C-alpha cells in the first residue's frame, strides 16, 4: 500500500518532465524570410514586359549597390507568370540596397532594413523598412507582389 504514493509521484515527475516548453529539439521550426517578388509591367499598356516579349529574362541583373556584386535571384516563368523573386534578404540582420537592371539599365532600387530575431526556439525576420526607389510601383497586399511600371 505504501507503493501507491511513490508510483503516483514517479508518474507525475515523468509527465511534467516530458512537457517542457523550453525543449527546442521537439519543436519543428523553420521560418525563412519572406521573399521579395516583382512583376515588371509596361507603364502604358500594363502588360508584363517579359510575357509580351519586350524584354528577355536573361537580360535581368540584380546588383548590390554597396559593392557592385551580383545577387542571386529567381525568375519564375511558369504559365506566363514572369515574376522576379529575390530571397537573399533577411537571413541575417542587414541593410541592403539592390539595383535591379534590365540590359544593364537601372529599372529600380530595392532598399531593405531587415532584422533577424530569435525567440526561445525559433527565428524570424522583421522588415523595419522596405522602399522601392526610382520607379512607379504598387504593392498587391494580397499576393505581396510589387508591380513595377517600366517604360
Protein backbone atom coordinates (compact mmCIF):
# COMPACT_ATOMS: atom_id res chain seq x y z
CA UNK A 1 0.00 0.00 0.00
CA UNK A 2 2.90 2.33 0.52
CA UNK A 3 3.89 1.85 -3.12
CA UNK A 4 0.84 3.78 -4.43
CA UNK A 5 2.02 7.28 -3.46
CA UNK A 6 5.53 6.55 -4.72
CA UNK A 7 4.24 5.35 -8.10
CA UNK A 8 1.95 8.36 -8.41
CA UNK A 9 4.81 10.71 -7.56
CA UNK A 10 7.06 9.00 -10.13
CA UNK A 11 4.38 9.22 -12.83
CA UNK A 12 3.79 12.88 -12.02
CA UNK A 13 7.51 13.60 -12.39
CA UNK A 14 7.70 11.75 -15.70
CA UNK A 15 4.74 13.61 -17.17
CA UNK A 16 5.96 17.04 -16.08
CA UNK A 17 9.47 16.39 -17.38
CA UNK A 18 8.21 15.38 -20.83
CA UNK A 19 6.22 18.59 -21.28
CA UNK A 20 8.97 21.14 -21.04
CA UNK A 21 8.21 24.26 -23.08
CA UNK A 22 11.87 25.16 -23.47
CA UNK A 23 12.88 21.93 -25.18
CA UNK A 24 13.56 23.24 -28.70
CA UNK A 25 14.58 19.87 -30.08
CA UNK A 26 10.96 18.76 -30.14
CA UNK A 27 9.71 21.87 -31.95
CA UNK A 28 9.75 21.88 -35.74
CA UNK A 29 10.53 25.48 -36.56
CA UNK A 30 11.99 26.91 -39.74
CA UNK A 31 10.95 30.43 -40.65
CA UNK A 32 12.76 31.74 -43.72
CA UNK A 33 12.47 35.43 -44.57
CA UNK A 34 9.65 36.41 -46.89
CA UNK A 35 10.99 36.75 -50.45
CA UNK A 36 10.53 39.90 -52.49
CA UNK A 37 8.60 39.39 -55.74
CA UNK A 38 8.31 41.84 -58.61
CA UNK A 39 6.24 41.94 -61.77
CA UNK A 40 7.57 44.40 -64.33
CA UNK A 41 4.82 45.86 -66.49
CA UNK A 42 4.71 48.34 -69.35
CA UNK A 43 3.74 51.77 -67.99
CA UNK A 44 1.32 52.40 -70.89
CA UNK A 45 -0.34 49.03 -71.50
CA UNK A 46 0.07 47.36 -68.11
CA UNK A 47 1.32 44.18 -69.83
CA UNK A 48 4.10 42.13 -68.29
CA UNK A 49 7.25 43.13 -70.24
CA UNK A 50 8.53 39.54 -70.30
CA UNK A 51 5.23 37.98 -71.32
CA UNK A 52 4.81 40.42 -74.23
CA UNK A 53 8.42 39.91 -75.39
CA UNK A 54 9.69 43.44 -74.73
CA UNK A 55 12.48 42.02 -72.57
CA UNK A 56 14.10 38.65 -72.04
CA UNK A 57 14.62 37.26 -68.54
CA UNK A 58 18.28 36.66 -69.36
CA UNK A 59 18.71 40.47 -69.50
CA UNK A 60 17.95 40.87 -65.77
CA UNK A 61 20.71 41.70 -63.29
CA UNK A 62 20.44 42.32 -59.56
CA UNK A 63 23.43 44.25 -58.23
CA UNK A 64 24.34 45.12 -54.63
CA UNK A 65 24.91 48.87 -54.75
CA UNK A 66 27.42 48.78 -51.84
CA UNK A 67 29.99 46.53 -53.50
CA UNK A 68 28.62 46.08 -57.05
CA UNK A 69 28.43 42.30 -56.61
CA UNK A 70 25.84 40.22 -58.43
CA UNK A 71 22.95 38.99 -56.28
CA UNK A 72 21.24 35.65 -56.88
CA UNK A 73 17.59 35.74 -57.88
CA UNK A 74 14.94 33.54 -59.45
CA UNK A 75 12.82 34.24 -62.48
CA UNK A 76 9.53 32.36 -62.28
CA UNK A 77 8.25 31.89 -65.82
CA UNK A 78 5.65 29.16 -65.33
CA UNK A 79 2.39 29.73 -67.25
CA UNK A 80 3.46 33.25 -68.29
CA UNK A 81 3.70 34.27 -64.62
CA UNK A 82 7.06 36.01 -65.26
CA UNK A 83 7.94 37.24 -61.79
CA UNK A 84 11.38 38.23 -60.46
CA UNK A 85 11.99 36.80 -56.99
CA UNK A 86 14.76 37.86 -54.59
CA UNK A 87 15.08 35.70 -51.49
CA UNK A 88 18.58 36.55 -50.29
CA UNK A 89 17.50 39.35 -47.92
CA UNK A 90 16.69 38.83 -44.25
CA UNK A 91 18.63 35.70 -43.37
CA UNK A 92 20.57 37.96 -41.00
CA UNK A 93 20.22 41.47 -39.64
CA UNK A 94 21.26 43.72 -42.51
CA UNK A 95 20.57 46.80 -44.59
CA UNK A 96 20.80 46.29 -48.35
CA UNK A 97 20.29 48.37 -51.47
CA UNK A 98 19.95 46.40 -54.69
CA UNK A 99 19.81 47.83 -58.19
CA UNK A 100 17.54 45.83 -60.48
CA UNK A 101 18.60 46.23 -64.08
CA UNK A 102 17.43 45.11 -67.50
CA UNK A 103 20.04 45.11 -70.25
CA UNK A 104 22.40 46.96 -67.86
CA UNK A 105 19.91 49.84 -67.47
CA UNK A 106 18.67 50.50 -63.91
CA UNK A 107 14.93 49.93 -63.55
CA UNK A 108 14.53 50.45 -59.79
CA UNK A 109 16.33 50.10 -56.47
CA UNK A 110 15.23 47.92 -53.58
CA UNK A 111 16.18 49.16 -50.11
CA UNK A 112 15.59 46.82 -47.15
CA UNK A 113 16.39 47.19 -43.46
CA UNK A 114 15.95 43.66 -42.08
CA UNK A 115 16.33 42.42 -38.53
CA UNK A 116 16.62 38.71 -37.78
CA UNK A 117 15.01 37.99 -34.41
CA UNK A 118 15.16 34.89 -32.26
CA UNK A 119 12.80 33.81 -29.54
CA UNK A 120 13.38 30.80 -27.33
CA UNK A 121 13.31 28.26 -30.15
CA UNK A 122 12.55 29.94 -33.47
CA UNK A 123 13.97 32.77 -35.56
CA UNK A 124 12.08 35.13 -37.86
CA UNK A 125 12.74 38.27 -39.88
CA UNK A 126 11.21 41.66 -39.30
CA UNK A 127 11.46 44.14 -42.14
CA UNK A 128 11.93 47.51 -40.44
CA UNK A 129 11.84 49.43 -43.73
CA UNK A 130 11.28 48.46 -47.36
CA UNK A 131 11.50 51.02 -50.15
CA UNK A 132 11.27 50.89 -53.91
CA UNK A 133 13.21 53.87 -55.30
CA UNK A 134 13.37 55.36 -58.80
CA UNK A 135 10.21 53.67 -60.08
CA UNK A 136 6.46 53.96 -60.14
CA UNK A 137 5.02 50.90 -58.39
CA UNK A 138 2.19 49.44 -56.37
CA UNK A 139 2.15 46.60 -53.84
CA UNK A 140 -0.58 43.99 -54.04
CA UNK A 141 -1.29 43.41 -50.33
CA UNK A 142 -2.94 40.04 -51.04
CA UNK A 143 -0.09 38.47 -53.04
CA UNK A 144 2.86 40.52 -51.74
CA UNK A 145 3.95 41.18 -55.33
CA UNK A 146 5.30 44.60 -56.25
CA UNK A 147 4.11 45.73 -59.68
CA UNK A 148 6.87 47.93 -61.14
CA UNK A 149 5.90 50.14 -64.08
CA UNK A 150 8.64 50.48 -66.70
CA UNK A 151 8.89 52.42 -69.96
